[in-house]
Amino acid sequence: MKQPCRRFIDNSFLQTALACYALFWAVLAIHPVDRSDWFLENLLVFATASVLIPTYRKFQLSNLSYALILLFLALHAIGAHYTYAKVPMVFGSATFFICTEITLIA
């Protein structure tokens, strides 16, 4: 079994994924529908980062786990930008199908 990378600098997948998410998050931070709601909902992103960053060396997850966390945070960022009630149908239907599939699996 392959040992996980011990240093962040050695994990190019995680570096690329975080850079893409940071760019995506920054674009969605520009002119959200409701700034106070956007800030409140982005507290989840800050809470997640405040747990995952300091524990990276001792408690490393797989790249798939990090990808799924970033997918969840990306969907959350879309909901925070538009507020969940006003998300365009393209994003809303994708979230609906993902949530329905997860519910059926569980």
N, C-alpha and C. Protein backbone atom coordinates (compact mmCIF):
# COMPACT_ATOMS: atom_id res chain seq x y z
N MET A 1 0.84 -1.18 0.00
CA MET A 1 0.00 0.00 0.00
C MET A 1 0.88 1.24 0.00
N LYS A 2 0.54 2.19 -0.83
CA LYS A 2 1.34 3.40 -0.96
C LYS A 2 1.16 4.30 0.26
N GLN A 3 2.27 4.77 0.79
CA GLN A 3 2.23 5.69 1.92
C GLN A 3 1.78 7.07 1.43
N PRO A 4 0.94 7.78 2.19
CA PRO A 4 0.54 9.12 1.78
C PRO A 4 1.71 10.09 1.85
N CYS A 5 1.63 11.15 1.07
CA CYS A 5 2.66 12.18 1.08
C CYS A 5 2.70 12.81 2.47
N ARG A 6 3.87 13.01 3.00
CA ARG A 6 3.99 13.60 4.33
C ARG A 6 3.96 15.12 4.28
N ARG A 7 4.38 15.70 3.15
CA ARG A 7 4.42 17.16 3.07
C ARG A 7 3.45 17.65 2.01
N PHE A 8 2.88 18.81 2.27
CA PHE A 8 1.93 19.41 1.33
C PHE A 8 2.61 19.70 0.00
N ILE A 9 3.85 20.09 0.04
CA ILE A 9 4.56 20.47 -1.18
C ILE A 9 4.76 19.27 -2.12
N ASP A 10 4.68 18.05 -1.59
CA ASP A 10 4.84 16.85 -2.41
C ASP A 10 3.52 16.39 -3.04
N ASN A 11 2.40 16.92 -2.61
CA ASN A 11 1.10 16.48 -3.09
C ASN A 11 0.59 17.47 -4.15
N SER A 12 0.96 17.22 -5.40
CA SER A 12 0.59 18.16 -6.47
C SER A 12 -0.91 18.17 -6.73
N PHE A 13 -1.59 17.03 -6.52
CA PHE A 13 -3.04 17.01 -6.71
C PHE A 13 -3.72 17.97 -5.74
N LEU A 14 -3.34 17.91 -4.50
CA LEU A 14 -3.96 18.77 -3.49
C LEU A 14 -3.63 20.24 -3.74
N GLN A 15 -2.42 20.54 -4.16
CA GLN A 15 -2.05 21.92 -4.48
C GLN A 15 -2.92 22.45 -5.62
N THR A 16 -3.08 21.66 -6.66
CA THR A 16 -3.89 22.08 -7.81
C THR A 16 -5.36 22.23 -7.43
N ALA A 17 -5.88 21.27 -6.67
CA ALA A 17 -7.28 21.31 -6.27
C ALA A 17 -7.56 22.53 -5.39
N LEU A 18 -6.67 22.82 -4.46
CA LEU A 18 -6.86 23.99 -3.59
C LEU A 18 -6.75 25.29 -4.38
N ALA A 19 -5.84 25.35 -5.33
CA ALA A 19 -5.71 26.56 -6.16
C ALA A 19 -6.98 26.78 -6.98
N CYS A 20 -7.51 25.71 -7.56
CA CYS A 20 -8.77 25.83 -8.33
C CYS A 20 -9.92 26.25 -7.44
N TYR A 21 -10.02 25.66 -6.25
CA TYR A 21 -11.10 26.04 -5.34
C TYR A 21 -10.95 27.49 -4.89
N ALA A 22 -9.72 27.92 -4.58
CA ALA A 22 -9.51 29.30 -4.15
C ALA A 22 -9.91 30.29 -5.24
N LEU A 23 -9.59 29.97 -6.49
CA LEU A 23 -10.00 30.83 -7.61
C LEU A 23 -11.53 30.83 -7.75
N PHE A 24 -12.13 29.66 -7.67
CA PHE A 24 -13.59 29.53 -7.76
C PHE A 24 -14.26 30.32 -6.64
N TRP A 25 -13.75 30.18 -5.43
CA TRP A 25 -14.30 30.88 -4.27
C TRP A 25 -14.16 32.40 -4.43
N ALA A 26 -13.00 32.85 -4.93
CA ALA A 26 -12.77 34.28 -5.12
C ALA A 26 -13.72 34.87 -6.16
N VAL A 27 -13.97 34.13 -7.23
CA VAL A 27 -14.91 34.60 -8.25
C VAL A 27 -16.32 34.71 -7.67
N LEU A 28 -16.72 33.72 -6.88
CA LEU A 28 -18.06 33.76 -6.28
C LEU A 28 -18.16 34.77 -5.15
N ALA A 29 -17.04 35.24 -4.64
CA ALA A 29 -17.06 36.26 -3.59
C ALA A 29 -17.36 37.65 -4.15
N ILE A 30 -17.26 37.78 -5.46
CA ILE A 30 -17.52 39.07 -6.10
C ILE A 30 -19.02 39.25 -6.26
N HIS A 31 -19.55 40.25 -5.66
CA HIS A 31 -20.95 40.66 -5.77
C HIS A 31 -21.94 39.51 -5.54
N PRO A 32 -21.96 38.91 -4.34
CA PRO A 32 -22.98 37.90 -4.06
C PRO A 32 -24.35 38.56 -3.91
N VAL A 33 -25.39 37.76 -3.96
CA VAL A 33 -26.75 38.28 -3.86
C VAL A 33 -26.96 38.98 -2.52
N ASP A 34 -26.51 38.37 -1.45
CA ASP A 34 -26.66 38.95 -0.11
C ASP A 34 -25.33 38.79 0.63
N ARG A 35 -24.60 39.89 0.80
CA ARG A 35 -23.25 39.83 1.38
C ARG A 35 -23.24 39.25 2.80
N SER A 36 -24.20 39.63 3.64
CA SER A 36 -24.20 39.11 5.02
C SER A 36 -24.49 37.61 5.05
N ASP A 37 -25.39 37.16 4.19
CA ASP A 37 -25.68 35.73 4.09
C ASP A 37 -24.47 34.98 3.55
N TRP A 38 -23.80 35.57 2.56
CA TRP A 38 -22.60 34.95 2.00
C TRP A 38 -21.53 34.77 3.07
N PHE A 39 -21.31 35.82 3.87
CA PHE A 39 -20.29 35.71 4.91
C PHE A 39 -20.67 34.66 5.94
N LEU A 40 -21.92 34.65 6.36
CA LEU A 40 -22.37 33.68 7.35
C LEU A 40 -22.21 32.25 6.85
N GLU A 41 -22.58 32.01 5.61
CA GLU A 41 -22.47 30.66 5.07
C GLU A 41 -21.03 30.26 4.78
N ASN A 42 -20.15 31.22 4.59
CA ASN A 42 -18.74 30.89 4.37
C ASN A 42 -17.99 30.62 5.66
N LEU A 43 -18.63 30.79 6.79
CA LEU A 43 -18.00 30.38 8.05
C LEU A 43 -17.72 28.88 8.04
N LEU A 44 -18.54 28.10 7.32
CA LEU A 44 -18.29 26.66 7.19
C LEU A 44 -16.96 26.41 6.48
N VAL A 45 -16.66 27.19 5.46
CA VAL A 45 -15.39 27.04 4.74
C VAL A 45 -14.22 27.35 5.67
N PHE A 46 -14.34 28.43 6.44
CA PHE A 46 -13.27 28.79 7.36
C PHE A 46 -13.12 27.75 8.47
N ALA A 47 -14.23 27.20 8.96
CA ALA A 47 -14.17 26.17 9.99
C ALA A 47 -13.51 24.90 9.45
N THR A 48 -13.87 24.51 8.24
CA THR A 48 -13.27 23.33 7.63
C THR A 48 -11.77 23.52 7.43
N ALA A 49 -11.39 24.68 6.92
CA ALA A 49 -9.96 24.96 6.71
C ALA A 49 -9.21 25.00 8.03
N SER A 50 -9.84 25.54 9.08
CA SER A 50 -9.15 25.64 10.38
C SER A 50 -8.95 24.28 11.03
N VAL A 51 -9.69 23.27 10.58
CA VAL A 51 -9.48 21.91 11.09
C VAL A 51 -8.51 21.14 10.19
N LEU A 52 -8.69 21.23 8.87
CA LEU A 52 -7.89 20.41 7.95
C LEU A 52 -6.44 20.89 7.81
N ILE A 53 -6.22 22.19 7.84
CA ILE A 53 -4.85 22.70 7.64
C ILE A 53 -3.92 22.31 8.79
N PRO A 54 -4.27 22.58 10.06
CA PRO A 54 -3.33 22.22 11.12
C PRO A 54 -3.15 20.71 11.31
N THR A 55 -4.13 19.93 10.92
CA THR A 55 -4.04 18.48 11.14
C THR A 55 -3.52 17.72 9.92
N TYR A 56 -3.07 18.43 8.88
CA TYR A 56 -2.67 17.76 7.64
C TYR A 56 -1.53 16.77 7.85
N ARG A 57 -0.53 17.12 8.59
CA ARG A 57 0.63 16.22 8.75
C ARG A 57 0.31 14.97 9.54
N LYS A 58 -0.52 15.09 10.57
CA LYS A 58 -0.80 13.93 11.42
C LYS A 58 -2.01 13.13 10.97
N PHE A 59 -2.96 13.76 10.31
CA PHE A 59 -4.20 13.09 9.94
C PHE A 59 -4.49 13.35 8.46
N GLN A 60 -3.73 12.69 7.59
CA GLN A 60 -3.89 12.90 6.17
C GLN A 60 -5.02 12.05 5.63
N LEU A 61 -5.79 12.63 4.75
CA LEU A 61 -6.86 11.91 4.07
C LEU A 61 -6.39 11.55 2.67
N SER A 62 -7.14 10.71 2.00
CA SER A 62 -6.79 10.37 0.63
C SER A 62 -7.14 11.54 -0.29
N ASN A 63 -6.56 11.51 -1.49
CA ASN A 63 -6.86 12.56 -2.46
C ASN A 63 -8.34 12.54 -2.83
N LEU A 64 -8.95 11.36 -2.86
CA LEU A 64 -10.38 11.27 -3.14
C LEU A 64 -11.18 11.97 -2.05
N SER A 65 -10.79 11.79 -0.80
CA SER A 65 -11.48 12.46 0.30
C SER A 65 -11.37 13.97 0.19
N TYR A 66 -10.18 14.45 -0.11
CA TYR A 66 -10.00 15.90 -0.29
C TYR A 66 -10.82 16.40 -1.49
N ALA A 67 -10.88 15.63 -2.57
CA ALA A 67 -11.67 16.03 -3.73
C ALA A 67 -13.15 16.12 -3.39
N LEU A 68 -13.65 15.17 -2.63
CA LEU A 68 -15.07 15.19 -2.24
C LEU A 68 -15.38 16.34 -1.29
N ILE A 69 -14.45 16.63 -0.39
CA ILE A 69 -14.63 17.78 0.51
C ILE A 69 -14.68 19.07 -0.30
N LEU A 70 -13.76 19.20 -1.27
CA LEU A 70 -13.75 20.41 -2.10
C LEU A 70 -14.98 20.50 -3.00
N LEU A 71 -15.50 19.35 -3.46
CA LEU A 71 -16.73 19.36 -4.24
C LEU A 71 -17.89 19.87 -3.37
N PHE A 72 -17.97 19.36 -2.14
CA PHE A 72 -19.02 19.83 -1.23
C PHE A 72 -18.87 21.33 -0.97
N LEU A 73 -17.65 21.78 -0.73
CA LEU A 73 -17.43 23.21 -0.46
C LEU A 73 -17.73 24.06 -1.70
N ALA A 74 -17.47 23.52 -2.90
CA ALA A 74 -17.79 24.26 -4.12
C ALA A 74 -19.30 24.41 -4.28
N LEU A 75 -20.05 23.33 -4.05
CA LEU A 75 -21.51 23.43 -4.10
C LEU A 75 -22.03 24.38 -3.02
N HIS A 76 -21.40 24.33 -1.87
CA HIS A 76 -21.78 25.23 -0.78
C HIS A 76 -21.48 26.69 -1.16
N ALA A 77 -20.37 26.92 -1.84
CA ALA A 77 -20.01 28.28 -2.26
C ALA A 77 -21.02 28.81 -3.28
N ILE A 78 -21.49 27.94 -4.16
CA ILE A 78 -22.51 28.36 -5.13
C ILE A 78 -23.78 28.75 -4.39
N GLY A 79 -24.18 27.93 -3.42
CA GLY A 79 -25.37 28.24 -2.63
C GLY A 79 -25.20 29.51 -1.82
N ALA A 80 -24.00 29.75 -1.32
CA ALA A 80 -23.74 30.96 -0.54
C ALA A 80 -23.75 32.20 -1.43
N HIS A 81 -23.26 32.07 -2.65
CA HIS A 81 -23.22 33.21 -3.56
C HIS A 81 -24.63 33.67 -3.95
N TYR A 82 -25.46 32.73 -4.32
CA TYR A 82 -26.80 33.08 -4.80
C TYR A 82 -27.85 33.09 -3.68
N THR A 83 -27.54 32.60 -2.52
CA THR A 83 -28.45 32.16 -1.47
C THR A 83 -29.17 30.93 -2.03
N TYR A 84 -29.40 29.97 -1.19
CA TYR A 84 -29.90 28.67 -1.67
C TYR A 84 -31.24 28.78 -2.39
N ALA A 85 -32.09 29.69 -1.99
CA ALA A 85 -33.40 29.82 -2.61
C ALA A 85 -33.32 30.38 -4.03
N LYS A 86 -32.22 31.07 -4.37
CA LYS A 86 -32.12 31.75 -5.67
C LYS A 86 -31.07 31.14 -6.59
N VAL A 87 -30.61 29.93 -6.30
CA VAL A 87 -29.62 29.28 -7.15
C VAL A 87 -30.24 28.99 -8.51
N PRO A 88 -29.54 29.34 -9.60
CA PRO A 88 -30.09 29.04 -10.94
C PRO A 88 -30.37 27.54 -11.10
N MET A 89 -31.30 27.22 -11.94
CA MET A 89 -31.75 25.84 -12.09
C MET A 89 -30.63 24.88 -12.49
N VAL A 90 -29.67 25.34 -13.26
CA VAL A 90 -28.57 24.46 -13.68
C VAL A 90 -27.85 23.91 -12.47
N PHE A 91 -27.50 24.78 -11.52
CA PHE A 91 -26.82 24.33 -10.32
C PHE A 91 -27.79 23.61 -9.39
N GLY A 92 -29.00 24.08 -9.30
CA GLY A 92 -29.98 23.48 -8.40
C GLY A 92 -30.31 22.05 -8.76
N SER A 93 -30.45 21.77 -10.07
CA SER A 93 -30.77 20.40 -10.48
C SER A 93 -29.60 19.46 -10.21
N ALA A 94 -28.38 19.93 -10.40
CA ALA A 94 -27.22 19.09 -10.13
C ALA A 94 -27.15 18.76 -8.64
N THR A 95 -27.38 19.74 -7.80
CA THR A 95 -27.37 19.51 -6.36
C THR A 95 -28.49 18.57 -5.97
N PHE A 96 -29.67 18.73 -6.57
CA PHE A 96 -30.81 17.86 -6.27
C PHE A 96 -30.47 16.41 -6.59
N PHE A 97 -29.89 16.17 -7.77
CA PHE A 97 -29.58 14.80 -8.16
C PHE A 97 -28.49 14.19 -7.29
N ILE A 98 -27.51 14.98 -6.91
CA ILE A 98 -26.45 14.48 -6.03
C ILE A 98 -27.04 14.13 -4.67
N CYS A 99 -27.86 15.02 -4.11
CA CYS A 99 -28.45 14.76 -2.79
C CYS A 99 -29.39 13.57 -2.85
N THR A 100 -30.15 13.42 -3.93
CA THR A 100 -31.07 12.29 -4.06
C THR A 100 -30.29 10.99 -4.14
N GLU A 101 -29.19 10.99 -4.89
CA GLU A 101 -28.38 9.78 -5.02
C GLU A 101 -27.75 9.41 -3.68
N ILE A 102 -27.25 10.40 -2.96
CA ILE A 102 -26.65 10.14 -1.64
C ILE A 102 -27.70 9.58 -0.69
N THR A 103 -28.91 10.13 -0.73
CA THR A 103 -29.97 9.64 0.13
C THR A 103 -30.35 8.21 -0.21
N LEU A 104 -30.40 7.88 -1.49
CA LEU A 104 -30.74 6.52 -1.91
C LEU A 104 -29.66 5.52 -1.51
N ILE A 105 -28.41 5.95 -1.58
CA ILE A 105 -27.30 5.06 -1.20
C ILE A 105 -27.32 4.79 0.29
N ALA A 106 -27.57 5.84 1.07
CA ALA A 106 -27.59 5.69 2.53
C ALA A 106 -28.81 4.90 2.90
